[in-house]
Each structure stands twice: as structure tokens, then as C-alpha cells.
Amino acid sequence: MALSSSSPVVAPCRFLCPRATTASRDILSFATTATRRRLLLSTATTTIAAAMAASSSCKVIDSHLHVWATPQQAKEEYPYFPGQEPTLRGDADFLLECMSEAGVDGAVIVQPINHMFDHSLVTSVLKKYPSKFVGCCLANPADDGTGIKQLEHLIVQEKYRAVRFNPNLWPSGQKMTNEVGRSLFSKAGELGVPLGIMTMKGVGPYIQEIEELCRDYPATTVILDHMAFCKPPTNDEEEKAFSSFLSLSRFPQVYVKYSALFRITREAYPYEDTAQLLSSVISHYGASRVMWGSDFPYVVPECGYKGGREAISHVASKIPVSQSDLEWILGKTVSQLFQGAWVTP
């Protein structure tokens, strides 16, 4: 069942024009990422501070990030999946440092591809910090159906609170709507856990599968990761895909992660062109079905974790987004989905 919000719906904002001057674009062409961030944010300090202060009364929750073992941990206890060795630091200690600096109170840890279906590392983090993190496991769509039992074990025994579908992991030539996929999708609804979908190739190739699953299993809450990888449309095909993504709002169980902004932008930090996306999503889904996520640790080399958090307030100020809606996006939506999490004992 969809959550209702008393916050006003923001009118759609059609395709905002970049506000950078020719001179600033020339500067950005050769500046480093860190310099670009300082330059652009220097003009937005007041709006960011005001927006963050407005949302300070509510907990800030990151709805999407990953952790994985250090090389030493991988050698001793939590091995990487062959061929998926990480190139970035992504251990829990580093994450906690970043969250503290950015003023983020809690997060949803999504099982990383680096450990594939071995959830032992993430499970250890969840058990060490039970009031800080909620776990989202990775669905195993193996033909033999073993992933269905694993899903139930992770949810019931290991206390994971969500599951992720990665369609790229399905056997070659098969869809998420095959027998195993439908069983996994249905099981998530039976267990009462949201199911995130990562459409890394864009929403277009998967829209019919998503619609079929939502229609056939309305009890399963669905979360579209990273805005279903929709960037600001530049042609008819992209407009069609974005419209299809927005049309999924007709299913009341569908939520959206306004996350990993660096993946859905066509501009440099602070990703102002994503304002058009955010405005459209709020107008179709309502802020109570939208949530922010950083995509740590991938965000770190892009703009820094704190920078990723600050970008949300900056972009929201361009539409603008009401204080109430911003609170939903920064924490209330995900907190309502995972009731009982992030509650101080």
C-alpha cells in the first residue's frame, strides 16, 4: 500500500536550462572534480545551508549504498567473487567516517556484486551496527531455484529487510518474469520486504517485465534504483523511456530512489540538470514515494560522500522543493518503508 503524504505536490518543472555562463563552462572544462565542486557550491552556500537546516529536525537516511571487505578481510574471511575485486575502498569503517562528516544518521546497505551471493560480510556489518544499518540482499535467479530458499533464510534468519533484482544476473536469454523470477518476486511480497530493481541498461528494455510483475503481484513493494537510470531526455527514444518510468507511478506499490546522481546527470557537480527529473518524479509519485541514496563508495571519487549529500539540497533549491517534501526525500520515506529501523534505543 502506498504511503500518503500531506505535503503539497510540486508542479512539474520542464527541462531547466543550465545556468552556467560561458566563462564558468570554460573554467569547468579544465578544473578537477574537487575544484568544480568548490566553485559551484560557493554560489549556493546560502541555499544549501537553509535547506539542510530546514531538514535537520528529521533523521537523514541514505537509502542506497554498499560495503565490501578490505583486501585483508577478503584474504582472511570474506573473499571477493572472482573477477569482481573492487578498485575503491568500501569498508564499513570508511563509510561510518563519511556518514559522520555528512550528518547522515543511517543507511540501507545493498549487497554488492563484489561478494555476489555470499552475504557474510554485509551480515557481519548489520549485526555489528543494528541501529545504524538495514540490509538489502541480492536475489539469486539460478535455474535450480536455490535462490528462493536463500532469500527466505536471509530475510527470516539474518533479518535482511529488502531484496534486489539485478536482471543482468538472470541466465542468458531469460527474463525477470520467468518462473524463478516470479517466485522470488512473490516471495518478497509474502515476506513483507521491498524489492529494488537495478535497470543499469535503462528502463526501456525492462518496462514490460516490471509492469507485468507489479500487476500480477501487487503485494510486493517495488523500488526503482537510481531513477531507473533515466537521464534528462535528449531525444524521442529517451523521452519515451522517461515517460514509461513516470507511468509506473500508477502502481501504488512503486517507489523511486533519487540516488547516484552522478549516474543520471549530463553535467558536472552539483548535477543541476537532475532538477528536471526530481520535479517530474515528485509530481507523479509524490515525495512520500521518493528517497535519496548516495551509492557509496562509488560516489566518493565523483564528488565525495558529503558532496553527494549536499547536492540533494542544492538541486532541490532549484525547483524549489518544499521543506516537507525534502524531509520525505532525505529520510521519512525510507524510514516509513523500514519501520522500526534507525530508532535510538
Protein backbone atom coordinates (compact mmCIF):
# COMPACT_ATOMS: atom_id res chain seq x y z
CA MET A 1 0.00 0.00 0.00
CA ALA A 2 1.35 3.41 -0.91
CA LEU A 3 2.17 5.86 1.80
CA SER A 4 0.32 9.13 1.78
CA SER A 5 1.91 12.47 2.33
CA SER A 6 0.29 15.64 3.50
CA SER A 7 2.95 17.64 1.73
CA PRO A 8 1.87 19.60 -1.35
CA VAL A 9 2.77 18.15 -4.74
CA VAL A 10 5.25 20.28 -6.58
CA ALA A 11 4.28 21.21 -10.11
CA PRO A 12 6.41 19.61 -12.82
CA CYS A 13 9.42 21.56 -13.95
CA ARG A 14 10.01 21.10 -17.65
CA PHE A 15 13.61 20.80 -18.70
CA LEU A 16 15.52 23.55 -16.97
CA CYS A 17 18.28 25.29 -18.86
CA PRO A 18 21.80 25.11 -17.42
CA ARG A 19 22.63 28.37 -15.69
CA ALA A 20 26.36 28.29 -16.11
CA THR A 21 27.85 31.19 -18.04
CA THR A 22 30.27 30.69 -20.92
CA ALA A 23 33.12 31.70 -18.65
CA SER A 24 32.17 29.24 -15.95
CA ARG A 25 31.87 26.46 -18.53
CA ASP A 26 35.36 27.28 -19.74
CA ILE A 27 36.64 27.01 -16.18
CA LEU A 28 34.86 23.71 -15.66
CA SER A 29 36.41 22.25 -18.79
CA PHE A 30 39.81 22.00 -17.19
CA ALA A 31 39.10 22.09 -13.45
CA THR A 32 39.44 18.98 -11.33
CA THR A 33 36.34 17.42 -9.78
CA ALA A 34 37.19 18.84 -6.37
CA THR A 35 37.72 22.33 -7.77
CA ARG A 36 34.45 22.16 -9.72
CA ARG A 37 32.66 21.26 -6.53
CA ARG A 38 34.12 24.19 -4.58
CA LEU A 39 33.43 26.62 -7.44
CA LEU A 40 29.81 25.68 -7.98
CA LEU A 41 28.94 25.28 -4.34
CA SER A 42 30.42 28.64 -3.42
CA THR A 43 27.46 30.28 -5.19
CA ALA A 44 24.95 28.07 -3.43
CA THR A 45 26.16 28.08 0.18
CA THR A 46 23.16 30.01 1.46
CA THR A 47 20.52 27.84 -0.22
CA ILE A 48 22.22 24.61 0.81
CA ALA A 49 22.59 25.73 4.42
CA ALA A 50 18.96 26.83 4.55
CA ALA A 51 17.67 23.59 3.06
CA MET A 52 19.80 21.43 5.35
CA ALA A 53 18.73 23.44 8.38
CA ALA A 54 15.10 23.00 7.36
CA SER A 55 15.52 19.22 7.26
CA SER A 56 17.66 18.96 10.38
CA SER A 57 14.71 18.02 12.59
CA CYS A 58 14.38 14.67 10.83
CA LYS A 59 16.90 11.87 10.54
CA VAL A 60 18.79 11.77 7.28
CA ILE A 61 18.85 8.22 5.90
CA ASP A 62 20.82 7.04 2.90
CA SER A 63 18.61 4.57 1.02
CA HIS A 64 21.30 3.07 -1.17
CA LEU A 65 24.95 2.26 -0.58
CA HIS A 66 27.37 -0.66 -0.49
CA VAL A 67 30.14 -2.00 1.72
CA TRP A 68 32.71 -4.66 0.99
CA ALA A 69 35.74 -6.24 2.61
CA THR A 70 39.16 -4.67 2.85
CA PRO A 71 41.84 -6.62 0.94
CA GLN A 72 42.99 -8.06 4.28
CA GLN A 73 39.46 -9.11 5.23
CA ALA A 74 39.00 -10.65 1.81
CA LYS A 75 42.15 -12.67 2.27
CA GLU A 76 41.24 -13.89 5.75
CA GLU A 77 37.47 -14.28 5.91
CA TYR A 78 35.30 -12.55 3.28
CA PRO A 79 36.64 -13.36 -0.21
CA TYR A 80 35.68 -11.32 -3.25
CA PHE A 81 33.81 -13.03 -6.04
CA PRO A 82 36.29 -13.96 -8.80
CA GLY A 83 36.57 -11.15 -11.32
CA GLN A 84 34.73 -8.68 -9.07
CA GLU A 85 37.62 -7.40 -6.98
CA PRO A 86 36.89 -3.76 -6.06
CA THR A 87 39.12 -0.87 -7.07
CA LEU A 88 37.76 1.51 -4.41
CA ARG A 89 37.86 1.47 -0.65
CA GLY A 90 34.44 0.41 0.60
CA ASP A 91 34.79 -0.92 4.13
CA ALA A 92 32.36 -0.13 6.94
CA ASP A 93 34.83 1.99 8.91
CA PHE A 94 35.33 4.30 5.95
CA LEU A 95 31.57 4.51 5.41
CA LEU A 96 30.94 5.49 9.01
CA GLU A 97 33.56 8.25 8.75
CA CYS A 98 31.86 9.60 5.63
CA MET A 99 28.39 9.43 7.15
CA SER A 100 29.54 11.25 10.27
CA GLU A 101 31.11 14.04 8.24
CA ALA A 102 27.95 14.43 6.13
CA GLY A 103 25.49 14.28 9.02
CA VAL A 104 23.79 11.09 7.79
CA ASP A 105 22.13 9.07 10.55
CA GLY A 106 21.59 5.67 8.95
CA ALA A 107 21.57 3.73 5.71
CA VAL A 108 20.39 0.77 3.68
CA ILE A 109 23.31 -1.48 2.70
CA VAL A 110 22.73 -3.19 -0.64
CA GLN A 111 24.64 -6.44 -1.13
CA PRO A 112 27.50 -5.60 -3.55
CA ILE A 113 28.34 -7.58 -6.68
CA ASN A 114 31.89 -7.81 -5.31
CA HIS A 115 30.73 -10.58 -2.97
CA MET A 116 27.95 -11.81 -5.29
CA PHE A 117 25.61 -14.13 -3.32
CA ASP A 118 27.93 -14.56 -0.32
CA HIS A 119 26.29 -12.21 2.16
CA SER A 120 28.59 -12.95 5.10
CA LEU A 121 30.47 -9.62 5.02
CA VAL A 122 27.33 -7.47 4.90
CA THR A 123 25.68 -9.67 7.52
CA SER A 124 28.60 -9.08 9.88
CA VAL A 125 28.23 -5.30 9.46
CA LEU A 126 24.48 -5.44 10.07
CA LYS A 127 25.00 -7.40 13.28
CA LYS A 128 27.73 -5.04 14.49
CA TYR A 129 25.64 -1.90 13.88
CA PRO A 130 21.98 -2.98 14.22
CA SER A 131 20.67 0.53 14.89
CA LYS A 132 22.66 2.10 12.06
CA PHE A 133 22.02 -0.12 9.04
CA VAL A 134 19.32 -2.10 7.28
CA GLY A 135 20.29 -4.81 4.80
CA CYS A 136 19.13 -5.41 1.23
CA CYS A 137 20.13 -8.84 -0.05
CA LEU A 138 20.81 -9.81 -3.67
CA ALA A 139 18.38 -12.22 -5.32
CA ASN A 140 19.93 -15.31 -6.87
CA PRO A 141 17.91 -16.22 -10.00
CA ALA A 142 19.62 -19.59 -10.57
CA ASP A 143 17.56 -22.07 -12.59
CA ASP A 144 17.56 -24.64 -9.78
CA GLY A 145 15.56 -22.33 -7.51
CA THR A 146 18.10 -22.35 -4.68
CA GLY A 147 17.87 -18.55 -4.57
CA ILE A 148 14.31 -18.75 -3.25
CA LYS A 149 15.40 -20.66 -0.16
CA GLN A 150 18.38 -18.35 0.27
CA LEU A 151 16.09 -15.33 0.11
CA GLU A 152 13.84 -16.71 2.82
CA HIS A 153 16.85 -17.55 5.00
CA LEU A 154 18.34 -14.07 4.66
CA ILE A 155 15.04 -12.36 5.45
CA VAL A 156 13.80 -14.62 8.24
CA GLN A 157 17.04 -15.73 9.87
CA GLU A 158 19.54 -12.97 9.07
CA LYS A 159 16.98 -10.14 9.34
CA TYR A 160 17.56 -8.50 5.95
CA ARG A 161 14.76 -6.05 5.20
CA ALA A 162 14.83 -5.85 1.38
CA VAL A 163 15.95 -7.71 -1.75
CA ARG A 164 17.47 -6.56 -5.02
CA PHE A 165 16.81 -7.78 -8.56
CA ASN A 166 19.70 -7.37 -11.00
CA PRO A 167 18.35 -8.51 -14.39
CA ASN A 168 21.91 -8.93 -15.67
CA LEU A 169 22.29 -11.92 -13.34
CA TRP A 170 19.45 -13.89 -14.94
CA PRO A 171 20.56 -16.81 -17.14
CA SER A 172 21.24 -15.77 -20.71
CA GLY A 173 18.08 -15.19 -22.72
CA GLN A 174 15.78 -15.31 -19.69
CA LYS A 175 13.71 -12.53 -18.15
CA MET A 176 12.80 -11.46 -14.65
CA THR A 177 9.31 -12.77 -15.40
CA ASN A 178 10.47 -16.39 -15.75
CA GLU A 179 9.31 -18.98 -13.22
CA VAL A 180 12.17 -18.34 -10.78
CA GLY A 181 11.83 -14.57 -11.09
CA ARG A 182 8.12 -14.67 -10.41
CA SER A 183 8.67 -16.93 -7.41
CA LEU A 184 11.30 -14.59 -5.97
CA PHE A 185 9.09 -11.56 -6.60
CA SER A 186 6.09 -13.21 -5.00
CA LYS A 187 8.16 -14.41 -2.02
CA ALA A 188 9.30 -10.84 -1.33
CA GLY A 189 5.66 -9.80 -1.05
CA GLU A 190 4.85 -12.74 1.23
CA LEU A 191 7.76 -11.84 3.50
CA GLY A 192 6.80 -8.17 3.50
CA VAL A 193 10.09 -6.81 2.15
CA PRO A 194 10.55 -4.20 -0.61
CA LEU A 195 12.19 -5.32 -3.85
CA GLY A 196 14.62 -3.00 -5.61
CA ILE A 197 15.27 -3.27 -9.35
CA MET A 198 18.51 -2.13 -10.96
CA THR A 199 17.95 -1.40 -14.66
CA MET A 200 21.53 -0.49 -15.49
CA LYS A 201 20.82 -0.68 -19.24
CA GLY A 202 17.97 1.78 -18.84
CA VAL A 203 14.32 1.17 -18.05
CA GLY A 204 13.27 0.66 -21.68
CA PRO A 205 14.35 -2.99 -22.09
CA TYR A 206 12.64 -4.00 -18.82
CA ILE A 207 9.49 -1.88 -18.69
CA GLN A 208 7.15 -4.68 -19.78
CA GLU A 209 8.64 -7.11 -17.23
CA ILE A 210 8.31 -4.57 -14.42
CA GLU A 211 4.72 -3.77 -15.36
CA GLU A 212 3.81 -7.46 -15.51
CA LEU A 213 5.32 -8.20 -12.11
CA CYS A 214 3.69 -5.16 -10.49
CA ARG A 215 0.34 -6.07 -11.99
CA ASP A 216 0.48 -9.74 -11.01
CA TYR A 217 1.92 -9.24 -7.51
CA PRO A 218 0.52 -6.01 -6.07
CA ALA A 219 1.53 -7.05 -2.53
CA THR A 220 5.22 -6.69 -3.42
CA THR A 221 6.61 -3.21 -2.86
CA VAL A 222 8.96 -2.17 -5.68
CA ILE A 223 11.80 0.35 -5.56
CA LEU A 224 13.37 1.62 -8.78
CA ASP A 225 17.08 2.14 -8.13
CA HIS A 226 18.82 5.28 -9.39
CA MET A 227 15.72 6.72 -11.09
CA ALA A 228 15.72 3.60 -13.30
CA PHE A 229 18.89 5.08 -14.84
CA CYS A 230 16.90 7.80 -16.62
CA LYS A 231 18.98 10.83 -17.57
CA PRO A 232 17.44 14.13 -18.73
CA PRO A 233 15.99 13.12 -22.12
CA THR A 234 17.65 14.46 -25.26
CA ASN A 235 15.72 12.60 -28.00
CA ASP A 236 12.40 10.87 -28.66
CA GLU A 237 13.62 7.45 -27.52
CA GLU A 238 14.80 8.83 -24.18
CA GLU A 239 11.58 10.82 -23.78
CA LYS A 240 9.60 7.61 -24.32
CA ALA A 241 11.68 5.73 -21.74
CA PHE A 242 11.32 8.53 -19.20
CA SER A 243 7.56 8.66 -19.76
CA SER A 244 7.39 4.90 -19.24
CA PHE A 245 9.29 5.30 -15.98
CA LEU A 246 6.91 8.03 -14.81
CA SER A 247 3.90 5.92 -15.83
CA LEU A 248 4.92 3.25 -13.32
CA SER A 249 3.63 5.66 -10.65
CA ARG A 250 0.17 4.30 -11.43
CA PHE A 251 1.15 1.25 -9.39
CA PRO A 252 0.83 2.44 -5.77
CA GLN A 253 3.47 -0.03 -4.57
CA VAL A 254 6.24 1.53 -6.69
CA TYR A 255 8.82 3.84 -5.09
CA VAL A 256 11.82 5.66 -6.55
CA LYS A 257 15.38 6.18 -5.40
CA TYR A 258 16.65 9.60 -6.41
CA SER A 259 20.12 8.21 -5.97
CA ALA A 260 23.59 8.10 -7.53
CA LEU A 261 23.09 11.50 -9.14
CA PHE A 262 26.42 11.20 -10.90
CA ARG A 263 24.93 8.28 -12.89
CA ILE A 264 21.83 10.15 -14.07
CA THR A 265 23.28 13.57 -14.90
CA ARG A 266 24.76 15.03 -18.05
CA GLU A 267 26.54 17.82 -16.19
CA ALA A 268 29.32 18.38 -13.70
CA TYR A 269 28.72 18.55 -9.96
CA PRO A 270 26.35 19.61 -8.39
CA TYR A 271 24.24 17.95 -11.13
CA GLU A 272 21.69 20.72 -11.53
CA ASP A 273 20.16 19.13 -14.63
CA THR A 274 18.70 16.39 -12.43
CA ALA A 275 16.31 19.02 -11.03
CA GLN A 276 14.03 18.38 -14.00
CA LEU A 277 13.99 14.68 -13.14
CA LEU A 278 13.29 15.28 -9.47
CA SER A 279 10.46 17.71 -10.22
CA SER A 280 8.76 15.24 -12.57
CA VAL A 281 9.15 12.37 -10.12
CA ILE A 282 7.66 14.36 -7.25
CA SER A 283 4.72 15.47 -9.41
CA HIS A 284 3.97 11.88 -10.47
CA TYR A 285 4.89 9.80 -7.43
CA GLY A 286 4.68 12.32 -4.61
CA ALA A 287 7.61 12.97 -2.29
CA SER A 288 6.44 10.21 0.06
CA ARG A 289 7.50 7.66 -2.59
CA VAL A 290 10.90 9.22 -3.31
CA MET A 291 14.12 8.69 -1.34
CA TRP A 292 17.72 9.86 -1.58
CA GLY A 293 20.65 7.48 -1.90
CA SER A 294 24.37 8.11 -2.30
CA ASP A 295 25.63 4.91 -3.98
CA PHE A 296 28.69 4.89 -1.70
CA PRO A 297 31.52 4.17 -2.28
CA TYR A 298 31.16 4.92 -6.00
CA VAL A 299 30.14 8.49 -5.13
CA VAL A 300 33.44 9.18 -3.34
CA PRO A 301 35.70 9.71 -6.39
CA GLU A 302 32.90 11.62 -8.15
CA CYS A 303 32.15 14.36 -5.62
CA GLY A 304 32.80 12.89 -2.19
CA TYR A 305 30.16 11.40 0.09
CA LYS A 306 29.42 14.72 1.77
CA GLY A 307 29.24 16.35 -1.64
CA GLY A 308 26.66 13.81 -2.72
CA ARG A 309 24.54 14.65 0.30
CA GLU A 310 24.90 18.39 -0.30
CA ALA A 311 23.91 18.05 -3.96
CA ILE A 312 20.42 16.95 -2.94
CA SER A 313 19.69 20.17 -1.09
CA HIS A 314 21.28 22.23 -3.86
CA VAL A 315 19.24 20.61 -6.62
CA ALA A 316 16.06 20.76 -4.55
CA SER A 317 16.54 24.51 -4.11
CA LYS A 318 16.37 24.96 -7.89
CA ILE A 319 12.82 23.67 -8.30
CA PRO A 320 12.16 24.53 -5.41
CA VAL A 321 11.09 21.63 -3.19
CA SER A 322 9.09 22.35 -0.05
CA GLN A 323 10.62 21.71 3.36
CA SER A 324 8.12 18.92 3.97
CA ASP A 325 8.91 17.18 0.67
CA LEU A 326 12.64 17.47 1.27
CA GLU A 327 12.22 15.77 4.64
CA TRP A 328 10.41 12.88 2.95
CA ILE A 329 13.17 12.51 0.35
CA LEU A 330 16.03 12.73 2.85
CA GLY A 331 14.71 10.23 5.34
CA LYS A 332 10.99 9.98 6.06
CA THR A 333 10.15 7.85 3.01
CA VAL A 334 12.77 5.19 3.67
CA SER A 335 12.02 5.27 7.41
CA GLN A 336 8.35 4.56 6.71
CA LEU A 337 9.26 1.67 4.40
CA PHE A 338 11.50 0.13 7.08
CA GLN A 339 9.51 0.88 10.18
CA GLY A 340 11.35 0.29 13.43
CA ALA A 341 14.78 0.88 11.90
CA TRP A 342 17.05 3.74 12.96
CA VAL A 343 15.24 4.09 16.27
CA THR A 344 17.54 5.06 19.11
CA PRO A 345 17.16 2.58 22.00
